Amino acid sequence: MKKFIVFSAIALLCASVVFAAGITKKDLAGLKGSWSGTATGAGGASLVTTIEFMNDAEPLEATITITNVPMQMQTDYNVKATITGQSKNGKITSSGTIMFLGADPSNFFEITSIKDKKMSAWFYANGLRGTVSATKK
């Protein structure tokens, strides 16, 4: 019985690794172009978001623009009404995400999934953490 339990646990672990592969190089082909959606930041504010990918190979180049940042967020996190970040260093991580580092190393943008022209991501900028949901235009 113990052998069966150990074998089952190993099989489940292997299966989870296969299904949790995340983003791969073949997913990059559909990334190039414009994406639009919303970012949800502190206090649940819904912010208009545009992401432009300039290429479809590593290192990825992208610009993210977040607009309509409420005044309270601007004050609390020392950001402007429009936040723009550019990066030329996007790489697929070992955990199957795509990570972009900002000019300030503490700022970053991480894409957690890309499926059917829909993207999920999150970012951290000047202490402001937010989630992003976008679709390809």
Protein backbone atom coordinates (compact mmCIF):
# COMPACT_ATOMS: atom_id res chain seq x y z
CA MET A 1 0.00 0.00 0.00
CA LYS A 2 2.85 2.39 0.83
CA LYS A 3 4.41 1.76 -2.58
CA PHE A 4 1.12 2.64 -4.28
CA ILE A 5 0.81 5.91 -2.34
CA VAL A 6 4.42 6.88 -3.11
CA PHE A 7 3.98 5.98 -6.80
CA SER A 8 0.72 7.97 -6.98
CA ALA A 9 2.34 11.01 -5.36
CA ILE A 10 5.26 10.89 -7.82
CA ALA A 11 2.88 10.52 -10.78
CA LEU A 12 0.81 13.51 -9.64
CA LEU A 13 3.93 15.59 -9.14
CA CYS A 14 5.18 14.77 -12.64
CA ALA A 15 1.77 15.55 -14.15
CA SER A 16 1.63 18.91 -12.39
CA VAL A 17 5.03 19.84 -13.80
CA VAL A 18 3.90 18.97 -17.33
CA PHE A 19 0.66 20.97 -17.08
CA ALA A 20 2.29 23.93 -15.31
CA ALA A 21 4.80 24.61 -18.07
CA GLY A 22 3.53 28.18 -18.44
CA ILE A 23 4.67 30.49 -21.23
CA THR A 24 7.11 29.03 -23.75
CA LYS A 25 9.04 30.44 -26.72
CA LYS A 26 6.28 29.31 -29.10
CA ASP A 27 3.84 31.64 -27.26
CA LEU A 28 5.95 34.67 -28.19
CA ALA A 29 4.87 34.66 -31.85
CA GLY A 30 1.41 36.02 -30.97
CA LEU A 31 2.71 38.64 -28.58
CA LYS A 32 3.93 41.35 -31.00
CA GLY A 33 1.54 44.28 -31.42
CA SER A 34 -0.87 46.27 -29.27
CA TRP A 35 -2.77 44.99 -26.27
CA SER A 36 -5.33 46.93 -24.26
CA GLY A 37 -7.17 46.33 -21.03
CA THR A 38 -7.30 47.36 -17.43
CA ALA A 39 -5.01 47.39 -14.45
CA THR A 40 -6.42 47.14 -10.97
CA GLY A 41 -4.33 48.89 -8.37
CA ALA A 42 -4.54 49.88 -4.73
CA GLY A 43 -8.05 50.50 -3.52
CA GLY A 44 -9.51 48.60 -6.48
CA ALA A 45 -9.14 51.49 -8.94
CA SER A 46 -9.56 50.37 -12.55
CA LEU A 47 -6.87 51.95 -14.73
CA VAL A 48 -6.76 52.02 -18.54
CA THR A 49 -3.75 50.04 -19.77
CA THR A 50 -2.03 49.71 -23.14
CA ILE A 51 0.92 47.42 -23.83
CA GLU A 52 2.90 47.58 -27.07
CA PHE A 53 5.27 44.71 -27.91
CA MET A 54 7.84 45.63 -30.54
CA ASN A 55 9.16 42.14 -31.26
CA ASP A 56 8.40 38.47 -30.70
CA ALA A 57 11.76 37.04 -29.63
CA GLU A 58 13.86 37.29 -26.49
CA PRO A 59 14.84 39.76 -25.25
CA LEU A 60 11.35 41.20 -25.67
CA GLU A 61 10.88 44.93 -26.04
CA ALA A 62 7.70 46.51 -24.70
CA THR A 63 6.10 49.73 -23.52
CA ILE A 64 3.31 49.74 -20.95
CA THR A 65 1.16 52.81 -20.44
CA ILE A 66 -1.30 53.14 -17.56
CA THR A 67 -3.62 56.15 -17.69
CA ASN A 68 -6.33 57.73 -15.55
CA VAL A 69 -4.43 57.19 -12.30
CA PRO A 70 -6.60 58.74 -9.56
CA MET A 71 -5.20 61.74 -7.67
CA GLN A 72 -5.08 59.82 -4.38
CA MET A 73 -2.91 57.11 -5.98
CA GLN A 74 -0.68 59.77 -7.52
CA THR A 75 -0.12 61.25 -4.07
CA ASP A 76 0.23 57.97 -2.18
CA TYR A 77 2.68 56.36 -4.62
CA ASN A 78 4.42 59.42 -6.11
CA VAL A 79 3.31 58.63 -9.66
CA LYS A 80 1.80 60.77 -12.42
CA ALA A 81 -1.67 60.58 -13.96
CA THR A 82 -0.08 58.55 -16.75
CA ILE A 83 2.56 55.93 -15.92
CA THR A 84 4.77 54.79 -18.79
CA GLY A 85 7.43 52.12 -18.61
CA GLN A 86 9.72 50.82 -21.33
CA SER A 87 11.88 47.75 -21.25
CA LYS A 88 14.10 45.89 -23.69
CA ASN A 89 14.90 42.98 -21.39
CA GLY A 90 11.80 40.74 -21.32
CA LYS A 91 12.70 37.09 -20.80
CA ILE A 92 10.86 33.88 -20.10
CA THR A 93 11.58 32.83 -16.52
CA SER A 94 12.15 29.32 -15.23
CA SER A 95 8.63 29.42 -13.76
CA GLY A 96 7.04 30.02 -17.18
CA THR A 97 6.31 33.75 -16.93
CA ILE A 98 7.76 36.69 -18.84
CA MET A 99 9.60 39.23 -16.68
CA PHE A 100 10.45 42.81 -17.65
CA LEU A 101 12.65 44.90 -15.34
CA GLY A 102 12.26 48.67 -15.28
CA ALA A 103 14.94 51.36 -15.23
CA ASP A 104 14.55 51.33 -11.45
CA PRO A 105 15.33 47.69 -10.59
CA SER A 106 12.55 47.60 -8.01
CA ASN A 107 9.96 48.25 -10.76
CA PHE A 108 8.90 45.31 -12.91
CA PHE A 109 6.14 43.86 -15.06
CA GLU A 110 5.44 40.13 -15.16
CA ILE A 111 3.17 38.33 -17.63
CA THR A 112 1.73 35.25 -15.97
CA SER A 113 -0.34 33.83 -18.83
CA ILE A 114 -1.13 34.30 -22.52
CA LYS A 115 -4.04 32.36 -23.98
CA ASP A 116 -6.46 33.01 -26.86
CA LYS A 117 -5.24 36.61 -27.31
CA LYS A 118 -5.80 37.30 -23.59
CA MET A 119 -3.05 38.19 -21.18
CA SER A 120 -2.80 38.23 -17.40
CA ALA A 121 0.02 40.08 -15.70
CA TRP A 122 1.00 42.10 -12.67
CA PHE A 123 3.33 44.99 -12.03
CA TYR A 124 5.11 46.83 -9.27
CA ALA A 125 6.02 50.51 -9.70
CA ASN A 126 7.05 52.95 -6.95
CA GLY A 127 5.37 50.79 -4.31
CA LEU A 128 2.15 50.44 -6.31
CA ARG A 129 1.22 46.85 -7.07
CA GLY A 130 -1.45 46.05 -9.62
CA THR A 131 -2.88 43.27 -11.74
CA VAL A 132 -3.39 43.58 -15.48
CA SER A 133 -5.89 41.95 -17.81
CA ALA A 134 -5.49 42.73 -21.52
CA THR A 135 -6.57 41.50 -24.94
CA LYS A 136 -4.77 41.82 -28.27
CA LYS A 137 -6.15 44.49 -30.60
